[in-house]
Amino acid sequence: MKTPENTSTIPAGEVIKAIIEKGKQNALTNPPTSTILACNKPVPSFADASRIVIKIVIEELNKQGKKMILDDEIKRLYRLLTLYFTDDIEFEKTNFETTKGTKMPFSLKKGILLVGTTGRAKTFCMERVFNAFISRYNKSKLYRIVNSYEIQIAFENEGTKAMSKFHSISFNSDAGRYNNLYIDEIGAESSEINHYGNKIKPIEMLLHERHRALIATGAVTHASTNLSIIDFKNHYSPRIFSRLFEMFNIITLTGNDLRVFYEKL
């Protein structure tokens, strides 16, 4: 299968160089052995974490019989998420643009919102790669994974009582902080459901409560969506849209569907 322009199948060592800042490349060595994936390690440096992340990516793709194909946008995504999940202050030197053209700096105190079309590695990054990374190296960033459909079904069956399933802000002793949450595919669910005659907007209710949790306890929410920021504004209430920028560091992905170009080993 032909590889798309500006996209390449790259060995692990070359990928590492591509995502690490130029000034840090001299710190690279050969990929570490499998012992680097042991549990309960201290949070590694950005350079070491980049090697670990790429190792996880390769292992996860190998399980699916796929090679690693990256373009510049995906390299940037891995770099930003590696900075974020290692609590590297360099992350906060990046900006994202609001719908009004205002530039807002990233913050380690907010969650991550991955915005973009299908096949841009959003779910793969959060559910397979960085979830594995933080479970071994930075448990303070641990998050629970749920899908927007799962939330919708729970609210359809239980009404507002379902909130407790997804909005636990109890202290997580393993993580050493209040519970974080990742919601996959926000916007794919029905925006409004009917529970015994009561109209409920599950995601709006949950995001409202998660916003309060962020302020009260520092518990962050991560999410992914195929909606554009403009679509998000039209899909949810103005109140939720305004809180989007308070809750999330927004990373937008606009490239082609990488799944189309995956080559079977």
C-alpha atoms as a PDB file:
ATOM      1  CA  MET A   1       0.000   0.000   0.000  1.00  0.00           C
ATOM      2  CA  LYS A   2       1.283   3.418  -0.863  1.00  0.00           C
ATOM      3  CA  THR A   3       2.336   5.582   2.077  1.00  0.00           C
ATOM      4  CA  PRO A   4       0.774   9.095   1.997  1.00  0.00           C
ATOM      5  CA  GLU A   5       2.880  12.138   1.344  1.00  0.00           C
ATOM      6  CA  ASN A   6       4.569  13.591   4.460  1.00  0.00           C
ATOM      7  CA  THR A   7       3.820  10.338   6.244  1.00  0.00           C
ATOM      8  CA  SER A   8       6.360   7.619   6.906  1.00  0.00           C
ATOM      9  CA  THR A   9       6.935   4.226   8.418  1.00  0.00           C
ATOM     10  CA  ILE A  10       9.785   5.023  10.773  1.00  0.00           C
ATOM     11  CA  PRO A  11      12.026   2.870  12.985  1.00  0.00           C
ATOM     12  CA  ALA A  12      11.729   3.546  16.702  1.00  0.00           C
ATOM     13  CA  GLY A  13      15.050   5.396  16.947  1.00  0.00           C
ATOM     14  CA  GLU A  14      14.100   7.820  14.192  1.00  0.00           C
ATOM     15  CA  VAL A  15      10.680   8.484  15.709  1.00  0.00           C
ATOM     16  CA  ILE A  16      12.273   9.321  19.021  1.00  0.00           C
ATOM     17  CA  LYS A  17      14.471  11.909  17.342  1.00  0.00           C
ATOM     18  CA  ALA A  18      11.478  13.363  15.547  1.00  0.00           C
ATOM     19  CA  ILE A  19       9.472  14.047  18.698  1.00  0.00           C
ATOM     20  CA  ILE A  20      12.215  15.224  21.030  1.00  0.00           C
ATOM     21  CA  GLU A  21      13.326  18.845  20.954  1.00  0.00           C
ATOM     22  CA  LYS A  22      16.470  19.516  19.032  1.00  0.00           C
ATOM     23  CA  GLY A  23      18.370  20.554  22.125  1.00  0.00           C
ATOM     24  CA  LYS A  24      17.604  17.275  23.869  1.00  0.00           C
ATOM     25  CA  GLN A  25      18.496  14.898  21.063  1.00  0.00           C
ATOM     26  CA  ASN A  26      22.036  14.434  22.314  1.00  0.00           C
ATOM     27  CA  ALA A  27      20.571  12.719  25.386  1.00  0.00           C
ATOM     28  CA  LEU A  28      19.196   9.853  23.311  1.00  0.00           C
ATOM     29  CA  THR A  29      20.668   6.389  23.431  1.00  0.00           C
ATOM     30  CA  ASN A  30      19.557   3.051  22.041  1.00  0.00           C
ATOM     31  CA  PRO A  31      16.050   1.956  23.088  1.00  0.00           C
ATOM     32  CA  PRO A  32      16.098   0.411  26.571  1.00  0.00           C
ATOM     33  CA  THR A  33      15.331  -3.214  27.332  1.00  0.00           C
ATOM     34  CA  SER A  34      11.939  -4.464  28.440  1.00  0.00           C
ATOM     35  CA  THR A  35      12.846  -3.832  32.063  1.00  0.00           C
ATOM     36  CA  ILE A  36      12.103  -0.171  31.396  1.00  0.00           C
ATOM     37  CA  LEU A  37       8.413  -1.079  31.523  1.00  0.00           C
ATOM     38  CA  ALA A  38       8.573  -2.242  35.122  1.00  0.00           C
ATOM     39  CA  CYS A  39       6.103  -0.802  37.599  1.00  0.00           C
ATOM     40  CA  ASN A  40       6.620   1.761  40.335  1.00  0.00           C
ATOM     41  CA  LYS A  41       9.414   3.679  38.626  1.00  0.00           C
ATOM     42  CA  PRO A  42       9.951   7.395  39.307  1.00  0.00           C
ATOM     43  CA  VAL A  43       8.658   9.830  36.698  1.00  0.00           C
ATOM     44  CA  PRO A  44      11.289   9.733  33.939  1.00  0.00           C
ATOM     45  CA  SER A  45      12.793  12.690  32.140  1.00  0.00           C
ATOM     46  CA  PHE A  46      11.226  13.816  28.888  1.00  0.00           C
ATOM     47  CA  ALA A  47      13.939  12.134  26.819  1.00  0.00           C
ATOM     48  CA  ASP A  48      13.588   8.825  28.686  1.00  0.00           C
ATOM     49  CA  ALA A  49       9.784   9.068  28.641  1.00  0.00           C
ATOM     50  CA  SER A  50       9.837   9.580  24.872  1.00  0.00           C
ATOM     51  CA  ARG A  51      11.715   6.319  24.431  1.00  0.00           C
ATOM     52  CA  ILE A  52       9.266   4.519  26.698  1.00  0.00           C
ATOM     53  CA  VAL A  53       6.240   5.966  24.896  1.00  0.00           C
ATOM     54  CA  ILE A  54       7.505   4.939  21.471  1.00  0.00           C
ATOM     55  CA  LYS A  55       8.256   1.462  22.829  1.00  0.00           C
ATOM     56  CA  ILE A  56       4.659   1.198  24.059  1.00  0.00           C
ATOM     57  CA  VAL A  57       3.325   2.466  20.719  1.00  0.00           C
ATOM     58  CA  ILE A  58       5.296  -0.161  18.809  1.00  0.00           C
ATOM     59  CA  GLU A  59       4.230  -2.947  21.167  1.00  0.00           C
ATOM     60  CA  GLU A  60       0.553  -1.971  20.940  1.00  0.00           C
ATOM     61  CA  LEU A  61       0.632  -1.754  17.142  1.00  0.00           C
ATOM     62  CA  ASN A  62       2.458  -5.073  16.904  1.00  0.00           C
ATOM     63  CA  LYS A  63      -0.426  -6.671  18.800  1.00  0.00           C
ATOM     64  CA  GLN A  64      -2.686  -5.476  15.977  1.00  0.00           C
ATOM     65  CA  GLY A  65      -0.275  -6.567  13.256  1.00  0.00           C
ATOM     66  CA  LYS A  66       0.434  -2.983  12.250  1.00  0.00           C
ATOM     67  CA  LYS A  67       3.485  -0.851  11.613  1.00  0.00           C
ATOM     68  CA  MET A  68       3.966   2.598  13.055  1.00  0.00           C
ATOM     69  CA  ILE A  69       3.078   5.308  10.545  1.00  0.00           C
ATOM     70  CA  LEU A  70       3.496   8.897  11.694  1.00  0.00           C
ATOM     71  CA  ASP A  71       3.068  12.335  10.195  1.00  0.00           C
ATOM     72  CA  ASP A  72       4.211  15.640  11.667  1.00  0.00           C
ATOM     73  CA  GLU A  73       0.912  16.221  13.448  1.00  0.00           C
ATOM     74  CA  ILE A  74       1.012  12.856  15.225  1.00  0.00           C
ATOM     75  CA  LYS A  75       4.651  13.409  16.200  1.00  0.00           C
ATOM     76  CA  ARG A  76       3.594  16.714  17.764  1.00  0.00           C
ATOM     77  CA  LEU A  77       0.740  14.945  19.566  1.00  0.00           C
ATOM     78  CA  TYR A  78       3.075  12.360  21.113  1.00  0.00           C
ATOM     79  CA  ARG A  79       5.495  15.104  22.132  1.00  0.00           C
ATOM     80  CA  LEU A  80       2.807  17.220  23.833  1.00  0.00           C
ATOM     81  CA  LEU A  81       1.254  14.274  25.665  1.00  0.00           C
ATOM     82  CA  THR A  82       4.660  13.059  26.806  1.00  0.00           C
ATOM     83  CA  LEU A  83       5.411  16.501  28.230  1.00  0.00           C
ATOM     84  CA  TYR A  84       2.010  16.605  29.932  1.00  0.00           C
ATOM     85  CA  PHE A  85       2.088  13.156  31.483  1.00  0.00           C
ATOM     86  CA  THR A  86       5.621  13.698  32.836  1.00  0.00           C
ATOM     87  CA  ASP A  87       4.583  17.044  34.401  1.00  0.00           C
ATOM     88  CA  ASP A  88       7.191  18.822  32.282  1.00  0.00           C
ATOM     89  CA  ILE A  89       6.860  22.614  32.530  1.00  0.00           C
ATOM     90  CA  GLU A  90       7.795  22.820  28.828  1.00  0.00           C
ATOM     91  CA  PHE A  91       4.190  21.804  28.142  1.00  0.00           C
ATOM     92  CA  GLU A  92       2.991  25.192  29.400  1.00  0.00           C
ATOM     93  CA  LYS A  93       5.072  27.032  26.795  1.00  0.00           C
ATOM     94  CA  THR A  94       2.618  25.905  24.084  1.00  0.00           C
ATOM     95  CA  ASN A  95      -0.572  27.787  23.193  1.00  0.00           C
ATOM     96  CA  PHE A  96      -3.890  26.783  21.694  1.00  0.00           C
ATOM     97  CA  GLU A  97      -6.250  29.084  19.844  1.00  0.00           C
ATOM     98  CA  THR A  98      -9.854  29.748  20.896  1.00  0.00           C
ATOM     99  CA  THR A  99     -12.742  30.283  18.473  1.00  0.00           C
ATOM    100  CA  LYS A 100     -12.203  34.027  18.880  1.00  0.00           C
ATOM    101  CA  GLY A 101      -8.589  33.782  17.804  1.00  0.00           C
ATOM    102  CA  THR A 102      -7.265  34.327  21.325  1.00  0.00           C
ATOM    103  CA  LYS A 103      -4.226  32.277  22.241  1.00  0.00           C
ATOM    104  CA  MET A 104      -4.389  30.488  25.594  1.00  0.00           C
ATOM    105  CA  PRO A 105      -1.354  28.801  27.164  1.00  0.00           C
ATOM    106  CA  PHE A 106      -1.493  25.124  28.011  1.00  0.00           C
ATOM    107  CA  SER A 107      -1.641  24.255  31.702  1.00  0.00           C
ATOM    108  CA  LEU A 108      -0.591  21.141  33.599  1.00  0.00           C
ATOM    109  CA  LYS A 109      -3.549  21.775  35.909  1.00  0.00           C
ATOM    110  CA  LYS A 110      -6.108  21.213  33.149  1.00  0.00           C
ATOM    111  CA  GLY A 111      -7.107  18.048  31.322  1.00  0.00           C
ATOM    112  CA  ILE A 112      -6.522  17.114  27.689  1.00  0.00           C
ATOM    113  CA  LEU A 113      -9.170  17.419  24.970  1.00  0.00           C
ATOM    114  CA  LEU A 114      -8.208  15.808  21.661  1.00  0.00           C
ATOM    115  CA  VAL A 115     -10.257  17.280  18.823  1.00  0.00           C
ATOM    116  CA  GLY A 116     -10.175  15.892  15.298  1.00  0.00           C
ATOM    117  CA  THR A 117     -11.432  13.602  12.594  1.00  0.00           C
ATOM    118  CA  THR A 118     -11.467   9.822  12.874  1.00  0.00           C
ATOM    119  CA  GLY A 119      -8.255   7.844  12.634  1.00  0.00           C
ATOM    120  CA  ARG A 120      -5.978  10.442  14.204  1.00  0.00           C
ATOM    121  CA  ALA A 121      -4.862   8.228  17.117  1.00  0.00           C
ATOM    122  CA  LYS A 122      -6.934  10.033  19.751  1.00  0.00           C
ATOM    123  CA  THR A 123      -8.375   6.953  21.444  1.00  0.00           C
ATOM    124  CA  PHE A 124      -5.227   4.918  20.840  1.00  0.00           C
ATOM    125  CA  CYS A 125      -3.092   7.540  22.597  1.00  0.00           C
ATOM    126  CA  MET A 126      -5.293   7.894  25.651  1.00  0.00           C
ATOM    127  CA  GLU A 127      -6.519   4.321  26.137  1.00  0.00           C
ATOM    128  CA  ARG A 128      -3.524   2.254  25.026  1.00  0.00           C
ATOM    129  CA  VAL A 129      -0.357   4.338  25.123  1.00  0.00           C
ATOM    130  CA  PHE A 130      -0.432   6.976  27.840  1.00  0.00           C
ATOM    131  CA  ASN A 131      -2.740   5.024  30.122  1.00  0.00           C
ATOM    132  CA  ALA A 132      -0.062   2.303  30.125  1.00  0.00           C
ATOM    133  CA  PHE A 133       2.705   4.851  30.613  1.00  0.00           C
ATOM    134  CA  ILE A 134       1.230   6.598  33.656  1.00  0.00           C
ATOM    135  CA  SER A 135       0.162   3.337  35.285  1.00  0.00           C
ATOM    136  CA  ARG A 136       3.872   2.508  35.479  1.00  0.00           C
ATOM    137  CA  TYR A 137       5.568   5.854  35.886  1.00  0.00           C
ATOM    138  CA  ASN A 138       3.222   8.616  37.061  1.00  0.00           C
ATOM    139  CA  LYS A 139       0.293   7.317  39.066  1.00  0.00           C
ATOM    140  CA  SER A 140      -0.693  10.841  40.104  1.00  0.00           C
ATOM    141  CA  LYS A 141      -2.030  11.181  36.541  1.00  0.00           C
ATOM    142  CA  LEU A 142      -4.099   7.966  36.551  1.00  0.00           C
ATOM    143  CA  TYR A 143      -7.563   8.273  35.018  1.00  0.00           C
ATOM    144  CA  ARG A 144     -10.624   6.108  34.602  1.00  0.00           C
ATOM    145  CA  ILE A 145     -11.686   5.409  30.996  1.00  0.00           C
ATOM    146  CA  VAL A 146     -15.342   5.616  29.916  1.00  0.00           C
ATOM    147  CA  ASN A 147     -17.109   6.015  26.586  1.00  0.00           C
ATOM    148  CA  SER A 148     -19.833   8.578  25.916  1.00  0.00           C
ATOM    149  CA  TYR A 149     -22.192   5.749  24.861  1.00  0.00           C
ATOM    150  CA  GLU A 150     -21.603   4.043  28.201  1.00  0.00           C
ATOM    151  CA  ILE A 151     -22.583   7.261  29.952  1.00  0.00           C
ATOM    152  CA  GLN A 152     -25.685   7.644  27.791  1.00  0.00           C
ATOM    153  CA  ILE A 153     -26.890   4.083  28.451  1.00  0.00           C
ATOM    154  CA  ALA A 154     -26.351   4.439  32.193  1.00  0.00           C
ATOM    155  CA  PHE A 155     -28.410   7.641  32.307  1.00  0.00           C
ATOM    156  CA  GLU A 156     -31.142   6.051  30.182  1.00  0.00           C
ATOM    157  CA  ASN A 157     -31.398   3.172  32.656  1.00  0.00           C
ATOM    158  CA  GLU A 158     -30.896   5.008  35.939  1.00  0.00           C
ATOM    159  CA  GLY A 159     -31.530   8.682  35.314  1.00  0.00           C
ATOM    160  CA  THR A 160     -29.463  11.175  37.296  1.00  0.00           C
ATOM    161  CA  LYS A 161     -28.518   8.447  39.791  1.00  0.00           C
ATOM    162  CA  ALA A 162     -26.030   7.290  37.175  1.00  0.00           C
ATOM    163  CA  MET A 163     -23.955  10.396  37.877  1.00  0.00           C
ATOM    164  CA  SER A 164     -22.301   8.674  40.828  1.00  0.00           C
ATOM    165  CA  LYS A 165     -20.837   6.038  38.496  1.00  0.00           C
ATOM    166  CA  PHE A 166     -18.837   8.598  36.557  1.00  0.00           C
ATOM    167  CA  HIS A 167     -18.344  11.443  38.983  1.00  0.00           C
ATOM    168  CA  SER A 168     -16.493   9.963  41.905  1.00  0.00           C
ATOM    169  CA  ILE A 169     -14.208  12.581  43.419  1.00  0.00           C
ATOM    170  CA  SER A 170     -13.182  10.373  46.316  1.00  0.00           C
ATOM    171  CA  PHE A 171      -9.484  10.299  47.109  1.00  0.00           C
ATOM    172  CA  ASN A 172      -7.546   7.676  45.170  1.00  0.00           C
ATOM    173  CA  SER A 173      -4.814   6.466  47.507  1.00  0.00           C
ATOM    174  CA  ASP A 174      -2.936   4.693  44.696  1.00  0.00           C
ATOM    175  CA  ALA A 175      -2.823   7.840  42.581  1.00  0.00           C
ATOM    176  CA  GLY A 176      -2.268  10.091  45.578  1.00  0.00           C
ATOM    177  CA  ARG A 177      -4.969  12.512  44.447  1.00  0.00           C
ATOM    178  CA  TYR A 178      -8.645  12.850  43.540  1.00  0.00           C
ATOM    179  CA  ASN A 179      -9.942  10.761  40.685  1.00  0.00           C
ATOM    180  CA  ASN A 180      -9.330  11.802  37.088  1.00  0.00           C
ATOM    181  CA  LEU A 181     -11.553  10.738  34.182  1.00  0.00           C
ATOM    182  CA  TYR A 182     -11.177  10.205  30.425  1.00  0.00           C
ATOM    183  CA  ILE A 183     -14.343  10.345  28.267  1.00  0.00           C
ATOM    184  CA  ASP A 184     -13.944   8.875  24.798  1.00  0.00           C
ATOM    185  CA  GLU A 185     -15.953  10.130  21.815  1.00  0.00           C
ATOM    186  CA  ILE A 186     -17.775  13.066  23.342  1.00  0.00           C
ATOM    187  CA  GLY A 187     -20.430  14.199  20.882  1.00  0.00           C
ATOM    188  CA  ALA A 188     -21.165  10.723  19.543  1.00  0.00           C
ATOM    189  CA  GLU A 189     -23.870  10.193  22.162  1.00  0.00           C
ATOM    190  CA  SER A 190     -27.411  11.572  22.019  1.00  0.00           C
ATOM    191  CA  SER A 191     -27.247  15.089  23.409  1.00  0.00           C
ATOM    192  CA  GLU A 192     -30.563  14.604  25.220  1.00  0.00           C
ATOM    193  CA  ILE A 193     -32.277  11.462  26.500  1.00  0.00           C
ATOM    194  CA  ASN A 194     -35.632  10.687  28.065  1.00  0.00           C
ATOM    195  CA  HIS A 195     -35.814   8.863  31.399  1.00  0.00           C
ATOM    196  CA  TYR A 196     -39.425   8.207  32.448  1.00  0.00           C
ATOM    197  CA  GLY A 197     -40.513  11.519  30.978  1.00  0.00           C
ATOM    198  CA  ASN A 198     -37.566  13.491  32.309  1.00  0.00           C
ATOM    199  CA  LYS A 199     -35.283  15.047  29.711  1.00  0.00           C
ATOM    200  CA  ILE A 200     -31.615  14.658  30.650  1.00  0.00           C
ATOM    201  CA  LYS A 201     -28.420  15.830  28.970  1.00  0.00           C
ATOM    202  CA  PRO A 202     -25.898  13.333  30.380  1.00  0.00           C
ATOM    203  CA  ILE A 203     -22.619  14.730  29.041  1.00  0.00           C
ATOM    204  CA  GLU A 204     -23.578  18.292  29.901  1.00  0.00           C
ATOM    205  CA  MET A 205     -24.465  17.257  33.448  1.00  0.00           C
ATOM    206  CA  LEU A 206     -21.258  15.299  33.831  1.00  0.00           C
ATOM    207  CA  LEU A 207     -19.017  18.041  32.432  1.00  0.00           C
ATOM    208  CA  HIS A 208     -20.686  20.535  34.753  1.00  0.00           C
ATOM    209  CA  GLU A 209     -19.898  18.358  37.772  1.00  0.00           C
ATOM    210  CA  ARG A 210     -16.372  17.648  36.545  1.00  0.00           C
ATOM    211  CA  HIS A 211     -15.783  21.391  36.233  1.00  0.00           C
ATOM    212  CA  ARG A 212     -16.784  21.778  39.863  1.00  0.00           C
ATOM    213  CA  ALA A 213     -14.477  18.911  40.797  1.00  0.00           C
ATOM    214  CA  LEU A 214     -11.566  20.602  39.044  1.00  0.00           C
ATOM    215  CA  ILE A 215     -12.083  23.759  41.081  1.00  0.00           C
ATOM    216  CA  ALA A 216     -12.702  21.957  44.373  1.00  0.00           C
ATOM    217  CA  THR A 217     -10.132  19.159  44.257  1.00  0.00           C
ATOM    218  CA  GLY A 218      -7.961  19.541  41.165  1.00  0.00           C
ATOM    219  CA  ALA A 219      -9.382  16.349  39.613  1.00  0.00           C
ATOM    220  CA  VAL A 220      -8.991  16.700  35.857  1.00  0.00           C
ATOM    221  CA  THR A 221     -11.101  15.437  32.992  1.00  0.00           C
ATOM    222  CA  HIS A 222      -9.693  14.272  29.666  1.00  0.00           C
ATOM    223  CA  ALA A 223     -11.757  13.673  26.544  1.00  0.00           C
ATOM    224  CA  SER A 224     -11.672  13.049  22.820  1.00  0.00           C
ATOM    225  CA  THR A 225     -14.165  14.133  20.187  1.00  0.00           C
ATOM    226  CA  ASN A 226     -14.691  14.001  16.441  1.00  0.00           C
ATOM    227  CA  LEU A 227     -16.534  17.316  16.677  1.00  0.00           C
ATOM    228  CA  SER A 228     -14.786  20.509  15.699  1.00  0.00           C
ATOM    229  CA  ILE A 229     -14.730  23.284  18.275  1.00  0.00           C
ATOM    230  CA  ILE A 230     -17.486  25.057  16.333  1.00  0.00           C
ATOM    231  CA  ASP A 231     -19.546  21.855  16.235  1.00  0.00           C
ATOM    232  CA  PHE A 232     -18.997  21.459  19.977  1.00  0.00           C
ATOM    233  CA  LYS A 233     -20.370  24.967  20.503  1.00  0.00           C
ATOM    234  CA  ASN A 234     -23.510  24.080  18.530  1.00  0.00           C
ATOM    235  CA  HIS A 235     -23.924  20.656  20.142  1.00  0.00           C
ATOM    236  CA  TYR A 236     -23.789  21.720  23.793  1.00  0.00           C
ATOM    237  CA  SER A 237     -25.036  24.665  25.822  1.00  0.00           C
ATOM    238  CA  PRO A 238     -23.148  27.994  25.939  1.00  0.00           C
ATOM    239  CA  ARG A 239     -22.378  27.363  29.610  1.00  0.00           C
ATOM    240  CA  ILE A 240     -20.634  24.059  28.880  1.00  0.00           C
ATOM    241  CA  PHE A 241     -18.839  25.522  25.880  1.00  0.00           C
ATOM    242  CA  SER A 242     -17.425  28.368  27.966  1.00  0.00           C
ATOM    243  CA  ARG A 243     -16.115  25.883  30.528  1.00  0.00           C
ATOM    244  CA  LEU A 244     -14.390  23.922  27.805  1.00  0.00           C
ATOM    245  CA  PHE A 245     -11.467  26.348  27.872  1.00  0.00           C
ATOM    246  CA  GLU A 246     -11.275  26.320  31.673  1.00  0.00           C
ATOM    247  CA  MET A 247     -11.191  22.512  31.869  1.00  0.00           C
ATOM    248  CA  PHE A 248      -9.084  21.462  28.888  1.00  0.00           C
ATOM    249  CA  ASN A 249      -5.887  21.939  26.964  1.00  0.00           C
ATOM    250  CA  ILE A 250      -7.281  21.603  23.438  1.00  0.00           C
ATOM    251  CA  ILE A 251      -5.141  19.754  20.890  1.00  0.00           C
ATOM    252  CA  THR A 252      -6.599  19.830  17.382  1.00  0.00           C
ATOM    253  CA  LEU A 253      -5.828  17.159  14.791  1.00  0.00           C
ATOM    254  CA  THR A 254      -6.768  17.789  11.176  1.00  0.00           C
ATOM    255  CA  GLY A 255      -4.866  15.218   9.092  1.00  0.00           C
ATOM    256  CA  ASN A 256      -5.975  12.174   7.130  1.00  0.00           C
ATOM    257  CA  ASP A 257      -7.264   8.960   8.673  1.00  0.00           C
ATOM    258  CA  LEU A 258      -4.108   6.998   9.507  1.00  0.00           C
ATOM    259  CA  ARG A 259      -5.995   3.715   9.640  1.00  0.00           C
ATOM    260  CA  VAL A 260      -6.406   3.862   5.870  1.00  0.00           C
ATOM    261  CA  PHE A 261      -2.618   3.725   5.484  1.00  0.00           C
ATOM    262  CA  TYR A 262      -1.728   1.081   8.071  1.00  0.00           C
ATOM    263  CA  GLU A 263       0.187  -1.762   6.450  1.00  0.00           C
ATOM    264  CA  LYS A 264      -0.231  -5.275   7.803  1.00  0.00           C
ATOM    265  CA  LEU A 265       2.981  -6.915   8.900  1.00  0.00           C
END
